[in-house]
Structures are given as structure tokens and as C-alpha cells.
Amino acid sequence: MTQANVDELFQIPMFENMERSDLTVIAGHITVRKLEPGEVLFAEGEPGEFMCFILEGSVDVLQENAAGKSVVINQVSRGRSLGEMSLIDGTARSATVKARGDAVVLILTREGFSRLIEVRPKVGVALLLEVSRLICQHLKKQSSRVADLL
């Protein structure tokens, strides 16, 4: 990652309260991937091997319904993340993610996250707490949606 991308990390809510030196360490374990319109970032059922942060553009989150048709269940845009559970459990993806247009994502693999924890435990734990907080937010949001449907 470039120094400019480290600056971009500050604009992602998950990183806004972290020290620049910590972000520089995290950036050393993140890769940048450019997506073209319609390109699949990951597919439902694939092993979860990474989480990502949307740096530019937006993506659609799709799930297959009972009739076998893919439907958009969410749109994730700049500054947001997805796939957080992959860092923790690595189970199969619960949805497909496709770029809506040109997009740039920052990818943190499970392997990169594990190395980060080994090399800089304090930074790794801080990141793990932020990932846990995001997962909690997602669960609360989904619980509210389920309650609204019932």
C-alpha cells in the first residue's frame, strides 16, 4: 500500500481513532484490488478468506432466494467494510458481492491478520476489537430487520 492509501484508511470509520503508526503497520498487511463493473469480489458458498474495505465506488451484496434467483440485499459504499466474519471463522460466504461500477477495495486476508497479531499484538488486538464491534453492529441491524418482518 502507498502512503496515500494509509491516509485513506483514516476516512474509514473503523480506523478513524487509530494512530497513524498503527495504520502504517496495518497497511503493510493490506492489498489493494481494483474491480470493474459487474466483477465478483467473492461468491456465496466460497470459503471466507478475507475481509475488505470499500475505498472507492460501491458493491452490491446478493443472495440467492428460494426460487434460485440472485437478489440484491444490500449495497455497500465507500468507507464501509464487509466480510468481517472471515477473519474470525473462515466459513463459507453467505452472499455474493459484485462491483456496481468501477471500485477499489482494500483486502485484509486471514493470513495477513494472523501475521499482524504475531508481529504487533497490540495493533492486532485493537483491530480485532474494531472488527468485533462491526460484527455486533451488523447483528443488531439484522435483528431489527427480523423484528420488523415479524
N, C-alpha and C. Protein backbone atom coordinates (compact mmCIF):
# COMPACT_ATOMS: atom_id res chain seq x y z
N MET A 1 0.84 -1.19 0.00
CA MET A 1 0.00 0.00 0.00
C MET A 1 0.88 1.24 0.00
N THR A 2 0.37 2.28 -0.61
CA THR A 2 1.11 3.54 -0.64
C THR A 2 0.76 4.38 0.58
N GLN A 3 1.55 5.43 0.78
CA GLN A 3 1.28 6.36 1.89
C GLN A 3 -0.09 7.02 1.71
N ALA A 4 -0.48 7.28 0.43
CA ALA A 4 -1.79 7.87 0.16
C ALA A 4 -2.90 6.94 0.66
N ASN A 5 -2.71 5.61 0.49
CA ASN A 5 -3.71 4.67 0.97
C ASN A 5 -3.78 4.64 2.49
N VAL A 6 -2.66 4.86 3.16
CA VAL A 6 -2.68 4.97 4.62
C VAL A 6 -3.55 6.15 5.01
N ASP A 7 -3.42 7.26 4.29
CA ASP A 7 -4.26 8.43 4.54
C ASP A 7 -5.74 8.10 4.31
N GLU A 8 -6.01 7.29 3.30
CA GLU A 8 -7.39 6.88 3.02
C GLU A 8 -7.97 6.05 4.15
N LEU A 9 -7.14 5.28 4.84
CA LEU A 9 -7.63 4.46 5.95
C LEU A 9 -8.29 5.33 7.03
N PHE A 10 -7.77 6.53 7.23
CA PHE A 10 -8.35 7.43 8.24
C PHE A 10 -9.80 7.78 7.91
N GLN A 11 -10.18 7.69 6.64
CA GLN A 11 -11.54 8.04 6.23
C GLN A 11 -12.52 6.88 6.41
N ILE A 12 -12.00 5.72 6.75
CA ILE A 12 -12.85 4.57 7.02
C ILE A 12 -13.17 4.59 8.52
N PRO A 13 -14.45 4.65 8.87
CA PRO A 13 -14.84 4.80 10.28
C PRO A 13 -14.14 3.85 11.24
N MET A 14 -13.88 2.64 10.81
CA MET A 14 -13.24 1.66 11.68
C MET A 14 -11.84 2.10 12.11
N PHE A 15 -11.19 2.93 11.31
CA PHE A 15 -9.81 3.32 11.57
C PHE A 15 -9.65 4.75 12.06
N GLU A 16 -10.72 5.51 12.12
CA GLU A 16 -10.59 6.95 12.38
C GLU A 16 -9.96 7.31 13.72
N ASN A 17 -10.02 6.43 14.70
CA ASN A 17 -9.45 6.74 16.01
C ASN A 17 -8.11 6.08 16.27
N MET A 18 -7.55 5.45 15.25
CA MET A 18 -6.27 4.77 15.42
C MET A 18 -5.12 5.73 15.14
N GLU A 19 -3.97 5.42 15.70
CA GLU A 19 -2.76 6.21 15.48
C GLU A 19 -2.22 5.94 14.09
N ARG A 20 -1.61 6.97 13.50
CA ARG A 20 -1.02 6.83 12.17
C ARG A 20 0.00 5.69 12.13
N SER A 21 0.81 5.56 13.17
CA SER A 21 1.82 4.50 13.19
C SER A 21 1.16 3.12 13.16
N ASP A 22 0.02 2.97 13.84
CA ASP A 22 -0.71 1.70 13.82
C ASP A 22 -1.30 1.44 12.44
N LEU A 23 -1.82 2.48 11.81
CA LEU A 23 -2.37 2.32 10.46
C LEU A 23 -1.28 1.96 9.45
N THR A 24 -0.10 2.48 9.65
CA THR A 24 1.01 2.13 8.77
C THR A 24 1.34 0.65 8.89
N VAL A 25 1.29 0.13 10.12
CA VAL A 25 1.52 -1.30 10.35
C VAL A 25 0.41 -2.11 9.68
N ILE A 26 -0.84 -1.72 9.89
CA ILE A 26 -1.98 -2.42 9.29
C ILE A 26 -1.87 -2.39 7.78
N ALA A 27 -1.51 -1.24 7.22
CA ALA A 27 -1.41 -1.08 5.77
C ALA A 27 -0.40 -2.05 5.17
N GLY A 28 0.60 -2.42 5.95
CA GLY A 28 1.58 -3.38 5.48
C GLY A 28 1.02 -4.78 5.27
N HIS A 29 -0.19 -5.02 5.77
CA HIS A 29 -0.83 -6.34 5.65
C HIS A 29 -2.07 -6.28 4.76
N ILE A 30 -2.27 -5.16 4.10
CA ILE A 30 -3.45 -4.96 3.25
C ILE A 30 -3.02 -4.84 1.80
N THR A 31 -3.82 -5.42 0.90
CA THR A 31 -3.57 -5.26 -0.53
C THR A 31 -4.71 -4.47 -1.15
N VAL A 32 -4.42 -3.83 -2.27
CA VAL A 32 -5.41 -3.04 -3.00
C VAL A 32 -5.87 -3.85 -4.20
N ARG A 33 -7.19 -3.87 -4.44
CA ARG A 33 -7.73 -4.57 -5.61
C ARG A 33 -8.71 -3.65 -6.32
N LYS A 34 -8.53 -3.51 -7.63
CA LYS A 34 -9.45 -2.72 -8.45
C LYS A 34 -10.47 -3.66 -9.06
N LEU A 35 -11.73 -3.25 -9.03
CA LEU A 35 -12.82 -4.04 -9.59
C LEU A 35 -13.45 -3.30 -10.76
N GLU A 36 -13.81 -4.04 -11.78
CA GLU A 36 -14.54 -3.48 -12.91
C GLU A 36 -16.03 -3.68 -12.67
N PRO A 37 -16.87 -2.89 -13.36
CA PRO A 37 -18.31 -3.04 -13.18
C PRO A 37 -18.76 -4.49 -13.39
N GLY A 38 -19.53 -5.01 -12.43
CA GLY A 38 -20.04 -6.37 -12.51
C GLY A 38 -19.08 -7.45 -12.06
N GLU A 39 -17.84 -7.08 -11.75
CA GLU A 39 -16.87 -8.08 -11.32
C GLU A 39 -17.24 -8.61 -9.93
N VAL A 40 -17.13 -9.92 -9.76
CA VAL A 40 -17.44 -10.56 -8.49
C VAL A 40 -16.21 -10.51 -7.59
N LEU A 41 -16.39 -9.95 -6.41
CA LEU A 41 -15.33 -9.91 -5.41
C LEU A 41 -15.22 -11.26 -4.72
N PHE A 42 -16.37 -11.82 -4.32
CA PHE A 42 -16.44 -13.19 -3.82
C PHE A 42 -17.86 -13.68 -4.01
N ALA A 43 -18.01 -15.03 -4.04
CA ALA A 43 -19.30 -15.64 -4.33
C ALA A 43 -19.84 -16.40 -3.12
N GLU A 44 -21.15 -16.42 -3.02
CA GLU A 44 -21.84 -17.17 -1.98
C GLU A 44 -21.35 -18.62 -2.00
N GLY A 45 -21.02 -19.15 -0.82
CA GLY A 45 -20.57 -20.53 -0.71
C GLY A 45 -19.06 -20.70 -0.73
N GLU A 46 -18.32 -19.70 -1.23
CA GLU A 46 -16.86 -19.78 -1.23
C GLU A 46 -16.34 -19.69 0.21
N PRO A 47 -15.15 -20.25 0.45
CA PRO A 47 -14.56 -20.08 1.79
C PRO A 47 -14.27 -18.60 2.06
N GLY A 48 -14.51 -18.15 3.26
CA GLY A 48 -14.22 -16.76 3.63
C GLY A 48 -12.76 -16.62 4.01
N GLU A 49 -11.98 -16.01 3.13
CA GLU A 49 -10.54 -15.91 3.37
C GLU A 49 -10.07 -14.49 3.61
N PHE A 50 -10.97 -13.50 3.47
CA PHE A 50 -10.56 -12.11 3.67
C PHE A 50 -11.76 -11.23 3.97
N MET A 51 -11.47 -10.07 4.56
CA MET A 51 -12.47 -9.01 4.68
C MET A 51 -11.98 -7.87 3.82
N CYS A 52 -12.85 -6.93 3.52
CA CYS A 52 -12.40 -5.81 2.70
C CYS A 52 -13.08 -4.51 3.11
N PHE A 53 -12.46 -3.43 2.67
CA PHE A 53 -12.94 -2.08 2.93
C PHE A 53 -13.12 -1.41 1.58
N ILE A 54 -14.26 -0.76 1.38
CA ILE A 54 -14.52 -0.09 0.11
C ILE A 54 -13.82 1.26 0.13
N LEU A 55 -12.84 1.42 -0.73
CA LEU A 55 -12.08 2.66 -0.81
C LEU A 55 -12.70 3.61 -1.83
N GLU A 56 -13.16 3.06 -2.95
CA GLU A 56 -13.83 3.85 -3.98
C GLU A 56 -14.96 3.03 -4.57
N GLY A 57 -16.04 3.71 -4.94
CA GLY A 57 -17.16 3.03 -5.59
C GLY A 57 -18.07 2.36 -4.58
N SER A 58 -18.83 1.38 -5.08
CA SER A 58 -19.73 0.62 -4.22
C SER A 58 -19.94 -0.77 -4.80
N VAL A 59 -20.45 -1.66 -3.96
CA VAL A 59 -20.70 -3.04 -4.35
C VAL A 59 -22.11 -3.44 -3.95
N ASP A 60 -22.66 -4.40 -4.68
CA ASP A 60 -23.94 -4.99 -4.32
C ASP A 60 -23.69 -6.30 -3.60
N VAL A 61 -24.50 -6.55 -2.57
CA VAL A 61 -24.46 -7.82 -1.85
C VAL A 61 -25.70 -8.58 -2.29
N LEU A 62 -25.49 -9.77 -2.84
CA LEU A 62 -26.58 -10.57 -3.39
C LEU A 62 -26.69 -11.91 -2.69
N GLN A 63 -27.93 -12.38 -2.54
CA GLN A 63 -28.15 -13.73 -2.02
C GLN A 63 -29.16 -14.40 -2.93
N GLU A 64 -29.04 -15.71 -2.99
CA GLU A 64 -29.98 -16.48 -3.79
C GLU A 64 -31.25 -16.72 -2.97
N ASN A 65 -32.42 -16.42 -3.56
CA ASN A 65 -33.68 -16.63 -2.85
C ASN A 65 -34.17 -18.06 -3.05
N ALA A 66 -35.33 -18.38 -2.47
CA ALA A 66 -35.87 -19.74 -2.53
C ALA A 66 -36.12 -20.19 -3.96
N ALA A 67 -36.39 -19.25 -4.86
CA ALA A 67 -36.64 -19.58 -6.27
C ALA A 67 -35.34 -19.73 -7.06
N GLY A 68 -34.19 -19.52 -6.40
CA GLY A 68 -32.91 -19.67 -7.07
C GLY A 68 -32.45 -18.43 -7.80
N LYS A 69 -33.13 -17.31 -7.56
CA LYS A 69 -32.75 -16.06 -8.23
C LYS A 69 -31.89 -15.22 -7.29
N SER A 70 -30.83 -14.61 -7.83
CA SER A 70 -29.99 -13.72 -7.02
C SER A 70 -30.68 -12.37 -6.86
N VAL A 71 -30.79 -11.94 -5.61
CA VAL A 71 -31.42 -10.65 -5.34
C VAL A 71 -30.46 -9.79 -4.52
N VAL A 72 -30.49 -8.50 -4.80
CA VAL A 72 -29.64 -7.55 -4.06
C VAL A 72 -30.26 -7.34 -2.68
N ILE A 73 -29.49 -7.62 -1.64
CA ILE A 73 -29.99 -7.44 -0.28
C ILE A 73 -29.36 -6.24 0.41
N ASN A 74 -28.28 -5.72 -0.19
CA ASN A 74 -27.61 -4.58 0.42
C ASN A 74 -26.68 -3.95 -0.60
N GLN A 75 -26.37 -2.69 -0.36
CA GLN A 75 -25.35 -2.00 -1.15
C GLN A 75 -24.35 -1.43 -0.15
N VAL A 76 -23.08 -1.66 -0.41
CA VAL A 76 -22.03 -1.18 0.49
C VAL A 76 -21.17 -0.20 -0.29
N SER A 77 -20.95 0.98 0.31
CA SER A 77 -20.23 2.02 -0.41
C SER A 77 -18.98 2.47 0.33
N ARG A 78 -18.33 3.44 -0.22
CA ARG A 78 -17.06 3.98 0.26
C ARG A 78 -17.03 4.13 1.79
N GLY A 79 -15.94 3.64 2.38
CA GLY A 79 -15.75 3.78 3.81
C GLY A 79 -16.29 2.63 4.64
N ARG A 80 -17.05 1.76 4.02
CA ARG A 80 -17.64 0.64 4.76
C ARG A 80 -16.85 -0.64 4.52
N SER A 81 -17.13 -1.64 5.31
CA SER A 81 -16.43 -2.91 5.19
C SER A 81 -17.42 -4.05 5.02
N LEU A 82 -16.89 -5.19 4.62
CA LEU A 82 -17.71 -6.39 4.55
C LEU A 82 -16.81 -7.61 4.67
N GLY A 83 -17.42 -8.72 5.05
CA GLY A 83 -16.68 -9.96 5.20
C GLY A 83 -15.91 -10.07 6.50
N GLU A 84 -16.31 -9.29 7.50
CA GLU A 84 -15.57 -9.27 8.77
C GLU A 84 -15.47 -10.64 9.43
N MET A 85 -16.53 -11.44 9.33
CA MET A 85 -16.52 -12.75 10.00
C MET A 85 -15.44 -13.66 9.43
N SER A 86 -15.01 -13.39 8.21
CA SER A 86 -13.97 -14.22 7.59
C SER A 86 -12.66 -14.20 8.36
N LEU A 87 -12.38 -13.07 9.01
CA LEU A 87 -11.15 -13.01 9.80
C LEU A 87 -11.20 -13.92 11.01
N ILE A 88 -12.41 -14.20 11.46
CA ILE A 88 -12.58 -14.97 12.69
C ILE A 88 -12.83 -16.45 12.42
N ASP A 89 -13.77 -16.75 11.51
CA ASP A 89 -14.15 -18.16 11.37
C ASP A 89 -13.85 -18.80 10.01
N GLY A 90 -13.70 -18.03 8.96
CA GLY A 90 -13.35 -18.59 7.66
C GLY A 90 -14.40 -19.50 7.04
N THR A 91 -15.62 -19.48 7.55
CA THR A 91 -16.66 -20.33 6.98
C THR A 91 -17.10 -19.80 5.63
N ALA A 92 -17.96 -20.55 4.98
CA ALA A 92 -18.43 -20.20 3.63
C ALA A 92 -19.12 -18.83 3.61
N ARG A 93 -18.92 -18.12 2.53
CA ARG A 93 -19.56 -16.81 2.34
C ARG A 93 -21.07 -16.98 2.29
N SER A 94 -21.77 -16.06 2.94
CA SER A 94 -23.23 -16.12 2.98
C SER A 94 -23.87 -15.34 1.84
N ALA A 95 -23.06 -14.66 1.05
CA ALA A 95 -23.59 -13.84 -0.05
C ALA A 95 -22.52 -13.67 -1.12
N THR A 96 -22.97 -13.19 -2.27
CA THR A 96 -22.07 -12.82 -3.37
C THR A 96 -21.93 -11.32 -3.36
N VAL A 97 -20.74 -10.82 -3.66
CA VAL A 97 -20.50 -9.38 -3.71
C VAL A 97 -19.97 -9.03 -5.09
N LYS A 98 -20.65 -8.07 -5.75
CA LYS A 98 -20.31 -7.63 -7.10
C LYS A 98 -20.14 -6.13 -7.14
N ALA A 99 -19.18 -5.66 -7.92
CA ALA A 99 -18.98 -4.22 -8.09
C ALA A 99 -20.14 -3.63 -8.88
N ARG A 100 -20.67 -2.49 -8.40
CA ARG A 100 -21.74 -1.78 -9.13
C ARG A 100 -21.17 -1.03 -10.33
N GLY A 101 -19.97 -0.55 -10.16
CA GLY A 101 -19.25 0.18 -11.21
C GLY A 101 -17.79 -0.03 -10.91
N ASP A 102 -16.95 0.85 -11.40
CA ASP A 102 -15.54 0.76 -11.03
C ASP A 102 -15.44 0.92 -9.51
N ALA A 103 -14.62 0.10 -8.90
CA ALA A 103 -14.47 0.16 -7.44
C ALA A 103 -13.04 -0.22 -7.07
N VAL A 104 -12.63 0.25 -5.90
CA VAL A 104 -11.33 -0.12 -5.34
C VAL A 104 -11.58 -0.59 -3.91
N VAL A 105 -11.05 -1.75 -3.59
CA VAL A 105 -11.20 -2.30 -2.24
C VAL A 105 -9.84 -2.59 -1.64
N LEU A 106 -9.78 -2.48 -0.32
CA LEU A 106 -8.60 -2.85 0.44
C LEU A 106 -8.89 -4.20 1.06
N ILE A 107 -8.00 -5.15 0.88
CA ILE A 107 -8.23 -6.52 1.34
C ILE A 107 -7.27 -6.89 2.46
N LEU A 108 -7.84 -7.41 3.53
CA LEU A 108 -7.07 -7.95 4.65
C LEU A 108 -7.42 -9.44 4.74
N THR A 109 -6.44 -10.29 4.45
CA THR A 109 -6.67 -11.73 4.49
C THR A 109 -6.57 -12.25 5.92
N ARG A 110 -7.09 -13.44 6.12
CA ARG A 110 -6.96 -14.09 7.44
C ARG A 110 -5.48 -14.30 7.75
N GLU A 111 -4.72 -14.71 6.74
CA GLU A 111 -3.29 -14.93 6.92
C GLU A 111 -2.59 -13.61 7.30
N GLY A 112 -2.93 -12.53 6.60
CA GLY A 112 -2.34 -11.22 6.92
C GLY A 112 -2.71 -10.76 8.31
N PHE A 113 -3.95 -11.01 8.70
CA PHE A 113 -4.41 -10.65 10.03
C PHE A 113 -3.64 -11.44 11.10
N SER A 114 -3.45 -12.74 10.85
CA SER A 114 -2.70 -13.58 11.80
C SER A 114 -1.26 -13.10 11.93
N ARG A 115 -0.64 -12.73 10.80
CA ARG A 115 0.73 -12.21 10.85
C ARG A 115 0.78 -10.90 11.63
N LEU A 116 -0.22 -10.06 11.42
CA LEU A 116 -0.29 -8.78 12.13
C LEU A 116 -0.34 -9.01 13.64
N ILE A 117 -1.14 -9.97 14.07
CA ILE A 117 -1.24 -10.28 15.50
C ILE A 117 0.09 -10.78 16.05
N GLU A 118 0.80 -11.59 15.25
CA GLU A 118 2.10 -12.10 15.69
C GLU A 118 3.14 -10.99 15.79
N VAL A 119 3.18 -10.12 14.78
CA VAL A 119 4.20 -9.08 14.70
C VAL A 119 3.92 -7.91 15.63
N ARG A 120 2.68 -7.47 15.70
CA ARG A 120 2.29 -6.33 16.53
C ARG A 120 1.00 -6.66 17.27
N PRO A 121 1.09 -7.47 18.32
CA PRO A 121 -0.11 -7.91 19.04
C PRO A 121 -1.04 -6.78 19.46
N LYS A 122 -0.48 -5.66 19.94
CA LYS A 122 -1.33 -4.56 20.40
C LYS A 122 -2.18 -4.01 19.26
N VAL A 123 -1.58 -3.84 18.09
CA VAL A 123 -2.32 -3.34 16.92
C VAL A 123 -3.33 -4.39 16.46
N GLY A 124 -2.92 -5.66 16.48
CA GLY A 124 -3.82 -6.74 16.09
C GLY A 124 -5.04 -6.83 16.98
N VAL A 125 -4.84 -6.69 18.29
CA VAL A 125 -5.96 -6.73 19.23
C VAL A 125 -6.88 -5.53 19.02
N ALA A 126 -6.31 -4.36 18.79
CA ALA A 126 -7.13 -3.16 18.53
C ALA A 126 -7.98 -3.37 17.28
N LEU A 127 -7.39 -3.95 16.26
CA LEU A 127 -8.13 -4.23 15.03
C LEU A 127 -9.21 -5.28 15.28
N LEU A 128 -8.88 -6.32 16.04
CA LEU A 128 -9.86 -7.36 16.37
C LEU A 128 -11.05 -6.78 17.13
N LEU A 129 -10.80 -5.86 18.05
CA LEU A 129 -11.90 -5.22 18.78
C LEU A 129 -12.79 -4.42 17.83
N GLU A 130 -12.19 -3.73 16.87
CA GLU A 130 -12.98 -2.97 15.89
C GLU A 130 -13.80 -3.91 15.00
N VAL A 131 -13.21 -5.01 14.58
CA VAL A 131 -13.93 -5.99 13.76
C VAL A 131 -15.09 -6.57 14.57
N SER A 132 -14.85 -6.89 15.83
CA SER A 132 -15.91 -7.42 16.70
C SER A 132 -17.04 -6.41 16.86
N ARG A 133 -16.69 -5.13 17.01
CA ARG A 133 -17.69 -4.08 17.12
C ARG A 133 -18.55 -4.01 15.85
N LEU A 134 -17.91 -4.13 14.69
CA LEU A 134 -18.65 -4.10 13.42
C LEU A 134 -19.60 -5.29 13.31
N ILE A 135 -19.12 -6.47 13.70
CA ILE A 135 -19.98 -7.65 13.65
C ILE A 135 -21.18 -7.47 14.57
N CYS A 136 -20.98 -6.92 15.75
CA CYS A 136 -22.09 -6.64 16.67
C CYS A 136 -23.09 -5.68 16.05
N GLN A 137 -22.59 -4.64 15.39
CA GLN A 137 -23.48 -3.68 14.73
C GLN A 137 -24.31 -4.37 13.65
N HIS A 138 -23.67 -5.23 12.87
CA HIS A 138 -24.39 -5.96 11.81
C HIS A 138 -25.47 -6.86 12.41
N LEU A 139 -25.14 -7.55 13.50
CA LEU A 139 -26.11 -8.44 14.14
C LEU A 139 -27.31 -7.66 14.68
N LYS A 140 -27.05 -6.51 15.30
CA LYS A 140 -28.15 -5.68 15.81
C LYS A 140 -29.04 -5.20 14.68
N LYS A 141 -28.43 -4.81 13.59
CA LYS A 141 -29.18 -4.34 12.43
C LYS A 141 -30.05 -5.46 11.86
N GLN A 142 -29.48 -6.66 11.75
CA GLN A 142 -30.24 -7.80 11.24
C GLN A 142 -31.36 -8.19 12.19
N SER A 143 -31.11 -8.12 13.49
CA SER A 143 -32.16 -8.44 14.47
C SER A 143 -33.33 -7.47 14.33
N SER A 144 -33.03 -6.22 14.10
CA SER A 144 -34.08 -5.22 13.92
C SER A 144 -34.89 -5.51 12.66
N ARG A 145 -34.18 -5.91 11.61
CA ARG A 145 -34.88 -6.25 10.35
C ARG A 145 -35.81 -7.44 10.54
N VAL A 146 -35.32 -8.45 11.25
CA VAL A 146 -36.15 -9.63 11.51
C VAL A 146 -37.37 -9.25 12.34
N ALA A 147 -37.16 -8.44 13.36
CA ALA A 147 -38.27 -7.99 14.21
C ALA A 147 -39.30 -7.22 13.38
N ASP A 148 -38.83 -6.39 12.45
CA ASP A 148 -39.75 -5.63 11.60
C ASP A 148 -40.57 -6.57 10.70
N LEU A 149 -39.97 -7.64 10.25
CA LEU A 149 -40.66 -8.60 9.38
C LEU A 149 -41.69 -9.42 10.16
N LEU A 150 -41.43 -9.64 11.45
CA LEU A 150 -42.35 -10.43 12.27
C LEU A 150 -43.46 -9.55 12.78
